[in-house]
């Protein structure tokens, strides 16, 4: 049996804020297979984004270990790419040049990096907009460019932190479908953070549910809906049953998180 792409063992993270220690994650154990699409769900403040930053190497764990292809993560690397909630495109660069930026930062000569732009923009359906600037594109188009920029470095692991949260409902539906298409073509390992249960069910092979802070793995739900999936998949009874199953697992966590926020606890 092949080794997993991502292995997390007893992972913990603590921060110091305003002279108080905050435990964000505790004893996270998880394995993710090569090419698997895994979503992470949980109440606000449960450490979902912190988990992504640990995988990317942007922050170091306080305890435990994190391995990619059995090699310990000790910082950011070209085998991972991060898609944030905001597109963070450089406003003074064209869309084509923004997509090439990731390659340039990894040492690819500018001319060679920019030559790859059209191919990458083809993947996200934006080739015709290569010479446009970010302010000339809609929110959904900018986020597609953001995904293309992440794919430019050809990462083994794509980390996505609520990438569609700022989009309107209709655009978000289309972007989910676009991401599904891209993932099926590229077959990269994806760890996707979201608050939307239906989004997680639609996209994922598996959903990992975290408890309120400190975040721990409460449950995992495997999504056995057939692929390829279309937006029509969301209208099926099977889809609805998965949404209900995940909500049953997460409802109390959401209520607990709201209660914690009302107490003003750090």
C-alpha atoms as a PDB file:
ATOM      1  CA  UNK A   1       0.000   0.000   0.000  1.00  0.00           C
ATOM      2  CA  UNK A   2       1.369   3.411  -0.999  1.00  0.00           C
ATOM      3  CA  UNK A   3       2.365   5.831   1.738  1.00  0.00           C
ATOM      4  CA  UNK A   4      -0.065   8.730   2.245  1.00  0.00           C
ATOM      5  CA  UNK A   5       0.718  12.077   0.693  1.00  0.00           C
ATOM      6  CA  UNK A   6       0.129  13.895   3.990  1.00  0.00           C
ATOM      7  CA  UNK A   7       0.575  12.481   7.488  1.00  0.00           C
ATOM      8  CA  UNK A   8      -0.265  14.408  10.664  1.00  0.00           C
ATOM      9  CA  UNK A   9       0.510  12.905  14.073  1.00  0.00           C
ATOM     10  CA  UNK A  10      -0.410  14.378  17.478  1.00  0.00           C
ATOM     11  CA  UNK A  11      -0.182  17.877  15.999  1.00  0.00           C
ATOM     12  CA  UNK A  12      -0.691  20.777  18.381  1.00  0.00           C
ATOM     13  CA  UNK A  13      -0.365  24.540  18.164  1.00  0.00           C
ATOM     14  CA  UNK A  14      -0.328  27.190  20.889  1.00  0.00           C
ATOM     15  CA  UNK A  15      -0.131  30.965  20.472  1.00  0.00           C
ATOM     16  CA  UNK A  16       0.536  33.735  22.959  1.00  0.00           C
ATOM     17  CA  UNK A  17      -1.926  36.602  22.648  1.00  0.00           C
ATOM     18  CA  UNK A  18      -2.105  39.557  25.021  1.00  0.00           C
ATOM     19  CA  UNK A  19       0.112  37.732  27.515  1.00  0.00           C
ATOM     20  CA  UNK A  20      -2.227  34.715  27.508  1.00  0.00           C
ATOM     21  CA  UNK A  21      -1.609  31.343  25.931  1.00  0.00           C
ATOM     22  CA  UNK A  22      -4.236  30.170  23.444  1.00  0.00           C
ATOM     23  CA  UNK A  23      -4.308  26.533  22.405  1.00  0.00           C
ATOM     24  CA  UNK A  24      -5.554  26.461  18.806  1.00  0.00           C
ATOM     25  CA  UNK A  25      -5.098  22.751  17.993  1.00  0.00           C
ATOM     26  CA  UNK A  26      -4.545  19.646  20.088  1.00  0.00           C
ATOM     27  CA  UNK A  27      -3.510  16.107  19.096  1.00  0.00           C
ATOM     28  CA  UNK A  28      -4.577  16.248  15.455  1.00  0.00           C
ATOM     29  CA  UNK A  29      -4.145  12.884  13.731  1.00  0.00           C
ATOM     30  CA  UNK A  30      -4.902  12.679  10.026  1.00  0.00           C
ATOM     31  CA  UNK A  31      -3.706  11.023   6.837  1.00  0.00           C
ATOM     32  CA  UNK A  32      -4.560  12.182   3.336  1.00  0.00           C
ATOM     33  CA  UNK A  33      -3.957  10.097   0.227  1.00  0.00           C
ATOM     34  CA  UNK A  34      -2.323  11.320  -2.949  1.00  0.00           C
ATOM     35  CA  UNK A  35      -4.977  13.004  -5.094  1.00  0.00           C
ATOM     36  CA  UNK A  36      -7.605  13.052  -2.339  1.00  0.00           C
ATOM     37  CA  UNK A  37      -9.875  16.062  -1.822  1.00  0.00           C
ATOM     38  CA  UNK A  38     -10.428  16.630   1.912  1.00  0.00           C
ATOM     39  CA  UNK A  39     -12.482  19.446   3.421  1.00  0.00           C
ATOM     40  CA  UNK A  40     -12.090  20.646   7.002  1.00  0.00           C
ATOM     41  CA  UNK A  41     -15.204  21.896   8.766  1.00  0.00           C
ATOM     42  CA  UNK A  42     -15.770  23.275  12.219  1.00  0.00           C
ATOM     43  CA  UNK A  43     -17.124  26.188  14.197  1.00  0.00           C
ATOM     44  CA  UNK A  44     -15.409  29.575  13.988  1.00  0.00           C
ATOM     45  CA  UNK A  45     -12.140  29.651  15.899  1.00  0.00           C
ATOM     46  CA  UNK A  46     -11.578  25.885  15.887  1.00  0.00           C
ATOM     47  CA  UNK A  47      -8.186  26.147  14.171  1.00  0.00           C
ATOM     48  CA  UNK A  48      -9.066  25.314  10.543  1.00  0.00           C
ATOM     49  CA  UNK A  49      -6.934  28.088   9.046  1.00  0.00           C
ATOM     50  CA  UNK A  50      -4.150  27.400  11.533  1.00  0.00           C
ATOM     51  CA  UNK A  51      -4.075  23.793  10.322  1.00  0.00           C
ATOM     52  CA  UNK A  52      -3.583  24.947   6.729  1.00  0.00           C
ATOM     53  CA  UNK A  53      -0.777  27.287   7.745  1.00  0.00           C
ATOM     54  CA  UNK A  54       0.945  24.467   9.585  1.00  0.00           C
ATOM     55  CA  UNK A  55       0.721  22.231   6.512  1.00  0.00           C
ATOM     56  CA  UNK A  56       2.114  25.036   4.351  1.00  0.00           C
ATOM     57  CA  UNK A  57       4.977  25.599   6.774  1.00  0.00           C
ATOM     58  CA  UNK A  58       4.023  29.233   7.410  1.00  0.00           C
ATOM     59  CA  UNK A  59       3.958  28.522  11.152  1.00  0.00           C
ATOM     60  CA  UNK A  60       5.685  25.816  13.152  1.00  0.00           C
ATOM     61  CA  UNK A  61       3.822  23.290  15.315  1.00  0.00           C
ATOM     62  CA  UNK A  62       4.103  23.399  19.094  1.00  0.00           C
ATOM     63  CA  UNK A  63       3.968  19.606  19.254  1.00  0.00           C
ATOM     64  CA  UNK A  64       3.596  16.564  17.024  1.00  0.00           C
ATOM     65  CA  UNK A  65       4.752  16.116  13.466  1.00  0.00           C
ATOM     66  CA  UNK A  66       3.605  16.786   9.928  1.00  0.00           C
ATOM     67  CA  UNK A  67       4.986  14.867   6.953  1.00  0.00           C
ATOM     68  CA  UNK A  68       4.558  15.167   3.193  1.00  0.00           C
ATOM     69  CA  UNK A  69       5.699  12.045   1.349  1.00  0.00           C
ATOM     70  CA  UNK A  70       7.253  10.931   4.659  1.00  0.00           C
ATOM     71  CA  UNK A  71       9.440  14.068   4.811  1.00  0.00           C
ATOM     72  CA  UNK A  72       8.942  16.471   7.721  1.00  0.00           C
ATOM     73  CA  UNK A  73       7.593  19.907   6.859  1.00  0.00           C
ATOM     74  CA  UNK A  74      10.035  22.549   8.079  1.00  0.00           C
ATOM     75  CA  UNK A  75       8.842  25.563   6.091  1.00  0.00           C
ATOM     76  CA  UNK A  76       7.087  26.560   2.858  1.00  0.00           C
ATOM     77  CA  UNK A  77       8.059  24.685  -0.292  1.00  0.00           C
ATOM     78  CA  UNK A  78       7.219  24.414  -4.005  1.00  0.00           C
ATOM     79  CA  UNK A  79       5.351  21.155  -3.357  1.00  0.00           C
ATOM     80  CA  UNK A  80       2.542  23.226  -1.729  1.00  0.00           C
ATOM     81  CA  UNK A  81       0.480  26.212  -2.836  1.00  0.00           C
ATOM     82  CA  UNK A  82      -1.946  28.311  -0.815  1.00  0.00           C
ATOM     83  CA  UNK A  83      -5.164  29.910  -2.085  1.00  0.00           C
ATOM     84  CA  UNK A  84      -6.445  32.510   0.368  1.00  0.00           C
ATOM     85  CA  UNK A  85      -9.970  33.834   0.797  1.00  0.00           C
ATOM     86  CA  UNK A  86      -8.973  37.136  -0.826  1.00  0.00           C
ATOM     87  CA  UNK A  87      -7.369  36.863  -4.259  1.00  0.00           C
ATOM     88  CA  UNK A  88      -4.389  39.091  -3.317  1.00  0.00           C
ATOM     89  CA  UNK A  89      -3.588  39.810  -6.958  1.00  0.00           C
ATOM     90  CA  UNK A  90      -1.069  42.602  -7.573  1.00  0.00           C
ATOM     91  CA  UNK A  91      -3.155  45.504  -8.975  1.00  0.00           C
ATOM     92  CA  UNK A  92      -0.290  46.865 -11.094  1.00  0.00           C
ATOM     93  CA  UNK A  93       0.283  43.547 -12.888  1.00  0.00           C
ATOM     94  CA  UNK A  94      -1.870  42.109 -15.637  1.00  0.00           C
ATOM     95  CA  UNK A  95      -3.690  38.845 -14.998  1.00  0.00           C
ATOM     96  CA  UNK A  96      -1.106  36.984 -17.066  1.00  0.00           C
ATOM     97  CA  UNK A  97       1.736  38.521 -15.091  1.00  0.00           C
ATOM     98  CA  UNK A  98      -0.020  37.790 -11.795  1.00  0.00           C
ATOM     99  CA  UNK A  99      -0.304  34.122 -12.742  1.00  0.00           C
ATOM    100  CA  UNK A 100       3.419  34.049 -13.576  1.00  0.00           C
ATOM    101  CA  UNK A 101       4.346  35.598 -10.220  1.00  0.00           C
ATOM    102  CA  UNK A 102       4.465  32.298  -8.333  1.00  0.00           C
ATOM    103  CA  UNK A 103       6.935  30.862 -10.832  1.00  0.00           C
ATOM    104  CA  UNK A 104       9.081  33.986 -10.661  1.00  0.00           C
ATOM    105  CA  UNK A 105       9.200  33.791  -6.874  1.00  0.00           C
ATOM    106  CA  UNK A 106      10.406  30.200  -7.174  1.00  0.00           C
ATOM    107  CA  UNK A 107      13.288  31.247  -9.401  1.00  0.00           C
ATOM    108  CA  UNK A 108      11.891  30.741 -12.900  1.00  0.00           C
ATOM    109  CA  UNK A 109      13.213  33.420 -15.294  1.00  0.00           C
ATOM    110  CA  UNK A 110      10.553  36.061 -15.973  1.00  0.00           C
ATOM    111  CA  UNK A 111      10.331  35.393 -19.707  1.00  0.00           C
ATOM    112  CA  UNK A 112       9.900  31.658 -19.170  1.00  0.00           C
ATOM    113  CA  UNK A 113       7.366  32.199 -16.366  1.00  0.00           C
ATOM    114  CA  UNK A 114       5.261  34.530 -18.489  1.00  0.00           C
ATOM    115  CA  UNK A 115       5.349  32.110 -21.411  1.00  0.00           C
ATOM    116  CA  UNK A 116       3.442  29.620 -19.272  1.00  0.00           C
ATOM    117  CA  UNK A 117       0.707  32.132 -18.491  1.00  0.00           C
ATOM    118  CA  UNK A 118      -1.607  31.339 -21.440  1.00  0.00           C
ATOM    119  CA  UNK A 119      -1.542  27.606 -20.674  1.00  0.00           C
ATOM    120  CA  UNK A 120      -2.476  28.205 -17.054  1.00  0.00           C
ATOM    121  CA  UNK A 121      -5.155  30.731 -17.905  1.00  0.00           C
ATOM    122  CA  UNK A 122      -6.640  28.182 -20.297  1.00  0.00           C
ATOM    123  CA  UNK A 123      -7.166  25.849 -17.350  1.00  0.00           C
ATOM    124  CA  UNK A 124      -9.346  28.412 -15.573  1.00  0.00           C
ATOM    125  CA  UNK A 125     -10.978  29.819 -18.714  1.00  0.00           C
ATOM    126  CA  UNK A 126      -9.292  33.232 -18.609  1.00  0.00           C
ATOM    127  CA  UNK A 127      -6.914  33.202 -21.592  1.00  0.00           C
ATOM    128  CA  UNK A 128      -8.810  36.066 -23.234  1.00  0.00           C
ATOM    129  CA  UNK A 129      -8.190  38.224 -20.141  1.00  0.00           C
ATOM    130  CA  UNK A 130      -4.405  37.791 -19.887  1.00  0.00           C
ATOM    131  CA  UNK A 131      -3.763  41.498 -20.585  1.00  0.00           C
ATOM    132  CA  UNK A 132      -6.494  42.779 -18.281  1.00  0.00           C
ATOM    133  CA  UNK A 133      -5.813  44.156 -14.800  1.00  0.00           C
ATOM    134  CA  UNK A 134      -7.476  42.788 -11.651  1.00  0.00           C
ATOM    135  CA  UNK A 135      -9.840  45.755 -11.275  1.00  0.00           C
ATOM    136  CA  UNK A 136     -11.283  44.954 -14.705  1.00  0.00           C
ATOM    137  CA  UNK A 137     -12.423  41.470 -13.655  1.00  0.00           C
ATOM    138  CA  UNK A 138     -15.297  40.225 -11.519  1.00  0.00           C
ATOM    139  CA  UNK A 139     -14.683  38.643  -8.111  1.00  0.00           C
ATOM    140  CA  UNK A 140     -15.140  35.152  -9.506  1.00  0.00           C
ATOM    141  CA  UNK A 141     -12.705  35.792 -12.361  1.00  0.00           C
ATOM    142  CA  UNK A 142     -10.094  37.181  -9.978  1.00  0.00           C
ATOM    143  CA  UNK A 143     -10.405  34.095  -7.801  1.00  0.00           C
ATOM    144  CA  UNK A 144      -9.963  31.884 -10.876  1.00  0.00           C
ATOM    145  CA  UNK A 145      -6.768  33.814 -11.617  1.00  0.00           C
ATOM    146  CA  UNK A 146      -5.720  33.251  -8.006  1.00  0.00           C
ATOM    147  CA  UNK A 147      -6.176  29.493  -8.464  1.00  0.00           C
ATOM    148  CA  UNK A 148      -4.207  29.592 -11.724  1.00  0.00           C
ATOM    149  CA  UNK A 149      -1.361  31.367  -9.914  1.00  0.00           C
ATOM    150  CA  UNK A 150      -1.324  28.605  -7.300  1.00  0.00           C
ATOM    151  CA  UNK A 151      -1.343  25.901  -9.981  1.00  0.00           C
ATOM    152  CA  UNK A 152       1.539  27.601 -11.800  1.00  0.00           C
ATOM    153  CA  UNK A 153       4.130  26.028  -9.499  1.00  0.00           C
ATOM    154  CA  UNK A 154       2.557  22.601 -10.156  1.00  0.00           C
ATOM    155  CA  UNK A 155       2.124  21.810  -6.428  1.00  0.00           C
ATOM    156  CA  UNK A 156       1.533  18.330  -5.083  1.00  0.00           C
ATOM    157  CA  UNK A 157      -0.714  19.765  -2.346  1.00  0.00           C
ATOM    158  CA  UNK A 158      -3.167  22.627  -2.862  1.00  0.00           C
ATOM    159  CA  UNK A 159      -4.293  24.367   0.332  1.00  0.00           C
ATOM    160  CA  UNK A 160      -7.486  26.451   0.066  1.00  0.00           C
ATOM    161  CA  UNK A 161      -8.763  28.671   2.888  1.00  0.00           C
ATOM    162  CA  UNK A 162     -12.410  29.551   2.188  1.00  0.00           C
ATOM    163  CA  UNK A 163     -11.527  30.720  -1.333  1.00  0.00           C
ATOM    164  CA  UNK A 164     -15.149  31.427  -2.329  1.00  0.00           C
ATOM    165  CA  UNK A 165     -16.396  33.032   0.889  1.00  0.00           C
ATOM    166  CA  UNK A 166     -16.386  36.575  -0.515  1.00  0.00           C
ATOM    167  CA  UNK A 167     -18.386  35.647  -3.626  1.00  0.00           C
ATOM    168  CA  UNK A 168     -22.122  35.939  -4.136  1.00  0.00           C
ATOM    169  CA  UNK A 169     -24.174  32.752  -4.065  1.00  0.00           C
ATOM    170  CA  UNK A 170     -24.491  32.324  -7.838  1.00  0.00           C
ATOM    171  CA  UNK A 171     -20.790  32.934  -8.495  1.00  0.00           C
ATOM    172  CA  UNK A 172     -19.866  30.617  -5.662  1.00  0.00           C
ATOM    173  CA  UNK A 173     -21.887  27.781  -7.236  1.00  0.00           C
ATOM    174  CA  UNK A 174     -20.109  28.250 -10.552  1.00  0.00           C
ATOM    175  CA  UNK A 175     -16.698  28.446  -8.875  1.00  0.00           C
ATOM    176  CA  UNK A 176     -17.341  25.182  -7.049  1.00  0.00           C
ATOM    177  CA  UNK A 177     -18.100  23.557 -10.377  1.00  0.00           C
ATOM    178  CA  UNK A 178     -14.975  25.089 -11.935  1.00  0.00           C
ATOM    179  CA  UNK A 179     -12.796  23.879  -9.064  1.00  0.00           C
ATOM    180  CA  UNK A 180     -14.267  20.399  -9.430  1.00  0.00           C
ATOM    181  CA  UNK A 181     -13.385  20.404 -13.135  1.00  0.00           C
ATOM    182  CA  UNK A 182      -9.823  21.616 -12.501  1.00  0.00           C
ATOM    183  CA  UNK A 183      -9.279  19.078  -9.732  1.00  0.00           C
ATOM    184  CA  UNK A 184     -10.501  16.213 -11.900  1.00  0.00           C
ATOM    185  CA  UNK A 185      -8.092  17.264 -14.656  1.00  0.00           C
ATOM    186  CA  UNK A 186      -5.054  17.849 -12.420  1.00  0.00           C
ATOM    187  CA  UNK A 187      -5.684  15.291  -9.631  1.00  0.00           C
ATOM    188  CA  UNK A 188      -3.732  17.162  -6.985  1.00  0.00           C
ATOM    189  CA  UNK A 189      -4.168  16.595  -3.274  1.00  0.00           C
ATOM    190  CA  UNK A 190      -6.450  19.320  -1.892  1.00  0.00           C
ATOM    191  CA  UNK A 191      -7.085  20.399   1.707  1.00  0.00           C
ATOM    192  CA  UNK A 192     -10.045  22.779   1.637  1.00  0.00           C
ATOM    193  CA  UNK A 193     -11.329  24.858   4.561  1.00  0.00           C
ATOM    194  CA  UNK A 194     -14.935  26.039   4.467  1.00  0.00           C
ATOM    195  CA  UNK A 195     -17.895  26.903   6.677  1.00  0.00           C
ATOM    196  CA  UNK A 196     -20.377  25.705   4.050  1.00  0.00           C
ATOM    197  CA  UNK A 197     -21.557  22.127   4.544  1.00  0.00           C
ATOM    198  CA  UNK A 198     -23.049  21.779   1.056  1.00  0.00           C
ATOM    199  CA  UNK A 199     -19.816  23.068  -0.477  1.00  0.00           C
ATOM    200  CA  UNK A 200     -17.783  20.488   1.436  1.00  0.00           C
ATOM    201  CA  UNK A 201     -20.133  17.634   0.503  1.00  0.00           C
ATOM    202  CA  UNK A 202     -20.120  18.614  -3.166  1.00  0.00           C
ATOM    203  CA  UNK A 203     -16.337  18.897  -3.496  1.00  0.00           C
ATOM    204  CA  UNK A 204     -14.910  16.317  -1.137  1.00  0.00           C
ATOM    205  CA  UNK A 205     -13.915  12.695  -0.949  1.00  0.00           C
ATOM    206  CA  UNK A 206     -13.871  13.106   2.817  1.00  0.00           C
ATOM    207  CA  UNK A 207     -14.859  15.732   5.394  1.00  0.00           C
ATOM    208  CA  UNK A 208     -12.930  16.157   8.643  1.00  0.00           C
ATOM    209  CA  UNK A 209     -14.870  17.860  11.452  1.00  0.00           C
ATOM    210  CA  UNK A 210     -13.014  19.697  14.211  1.00  0.00           C
ATOM    211  CA  UNK A 211     -14.217  20.451  17.721  1.00  0.00           C
ATOM    212  CA  UNK A 212     -14.280  24.007  19.127  1.00  0.00           C
ATOM    213  CA  UNK A 213     -10.939  25.337  20.352  1.00  0.00           C
ATOM    214  CA  UNK A 214      -8.682  23.616  20.960  1.00  0.00           C
ATOM    215  CA  UNK A 215      -9.493  21.964  17.638  1.00  0.00           C
ATOM    216  CA  UNK A 216      -9.394  18.176  17.664  1.00  0.00           C
ATOM    217  CA  UNK A 217     -10.733  15.708  15.134  1.00  0.00           C
ATOM    218  CA  UNK A 218     -14.259  14.865  16.222  1.00  0.00           C
ATOM    219  CA  UNK A 219     -15.405  12.875  13.190  1.00  0.00           C
ATOM    220  CA  UNK A 220     -14.739  12.060   9.561  1.00  0.00           C
ATOM    221  CA  UNK A 221     -17.444  11.596   6.941  1.00  0.00           C
ATOM    222  CA  UNK A 222     -16.592   9.865   3.681  1.00  0.00           C
ATOM    223  CA  UNK A 223     -18.563  11.178   0.716  1.00  0.00           C
ATOM    224  CA  UNK A 224     -19.345   8.332  -1.666  1.00  0.00           C
ATOM    225  CA  UNK A 225     -21.260  10.340  -4.243  1.00  0.00           C
ATOM    226  CA  UNK A 226     -20.190   9.265  -7.735  1.00  0.00           C
ATOM    227  CA  UNK A 227     -17.810  11.408  -9.768  1.00  0.00           C
ATOM    228  CA  UNK A 228     -17.782  13.411 -11.926  1.00  0.00           C
ATOM    229  CA  UNK A 229     -20.242  15.569  -9.991  1.00  0.00           C
ATOM    230  CA  UNK A 230     -22.275  18.389 -11.454  1.00  0.00           C
ATOM    231  CA  UNK A 231     -24.399  21.043  -9.793  1.00  0.00           C
ATOM    232  CA  UNK A 232     -27.349  18.711 -10.365  1.00  0.00           C
ATOM    233  CA  UNK A 233     -25.729  16.417  -7.781  1.00  0.00           C
ATOM    234  CA  UNK A 234     -26.827  18.932  -5.144  1.00  0.00           C
ATOM    235  CA  UNK A 235     -30.480  18.274  -5.969  1.00  0.00           C
ATOM    236  CA  UNK A 236     -30.318  14.537  -5.235  1.00  0.00           C
ATOM    237  CA  UNK A 237     -31.652  12.848  -2.068  1.00  0.00           C
ATOM    238  CA  UNK A 238     -28.224  11.281  -1.429  1.00  0.00           C
ATOM    239  CA  UNK A 239     -26.620  14.712  -1.343  1.00  0.00           C
ATOM    240  CA  UNK A 240     -29.220  15.940   1.127  1.00  0.00           C
ATOM    241  CA  UNK A 241     -28.587  12.974   3.398  1.00  0.00           C
ATOM    242  CA  UNK A 242     -24.862  13.758   3.530  1.00  0.00           C
ATOM    243  CA  UNK A 243     -25.588  17.400   4.365  1.00  0.00           C
ATOM    244  CA  UNK A 244     -27.870  16.258   7.202  1.00  0.00           C
ATOM    245  CA  UNK A 245     -25.256  13.790   8.468  1.00  0.00           C
ATOM    246  CA  UNK A 246     -22.527  16.422   8.604  1.00  0.00           C
ATOM    247  CA  UNK A 247     -24.834  18.993  10.215  1.00  0.00           C
ATOM    248  CA  UNK A 248     -25.765  16.473  12.909  1.00  0.00           C
ATOM    249  CA  UNK A 249     -22.049  16.131  13.701  1.00  0.00           C
ATOM    250  CA  UNK A 250     -21.327  19.853  13.719  1.00  0.00           C
ATOM    251  CA  UNK A 251     -24.455  21.452  15.178  1.00  0.00           C
ATOM    252  CA  UNK A 252     -23.423  21.171  18.820  1.00  0.00           C
ATOM    253  CA  UNK A 253     -19.929  22.429  18.006  1.00  0.00           C
ATOM    254  CA  UNK A 254     -21.399  25.552  16.400  1.00  0.00           C
ATOM    255  CA  UNK A 255     -23.642  26.150  19.415  1.00  0.00           C
ATOM    256  CA  UNK A 256     -20.719  25.657  21.802  1.00  0.00           C
ATOM    257  CA  UNK A 257     -18.578  28.062  19.787  1.00  0.00           C
ATOM    258  CA  UNK A 258     -21.275  30.763  19.892  1.00  0.00           C
ATOM    259  CA  UNK A 259     -21.640  30.281  23.635  1.00  0.00           C
ATOM    260  CA  UNK A 260     -17.852  30.612  24.060  1.00  0.00           C
ATOM    261  CA  UNK A 261     -17.805  33.850  22.064  1.00  0.00           C
ATOM    262  CA  UNK A 262     -20.622  35.284  24.180  1.00  0.00           C
ATOM    263  CA  UNK A 263     -18.577  34.699  27.352  1.00  0.00           C
ATOM    264  CA  UNK A 264     -15.699  36.690  25.877  1.00  0.00           C
ATOM    265  CA  UNK A 265     -13.251  33.853  26.568  1.00  0.00           C
ATOM    266  CA  UNK A 266      -9.874  34.215  24.751  1.00  0.00           C
END
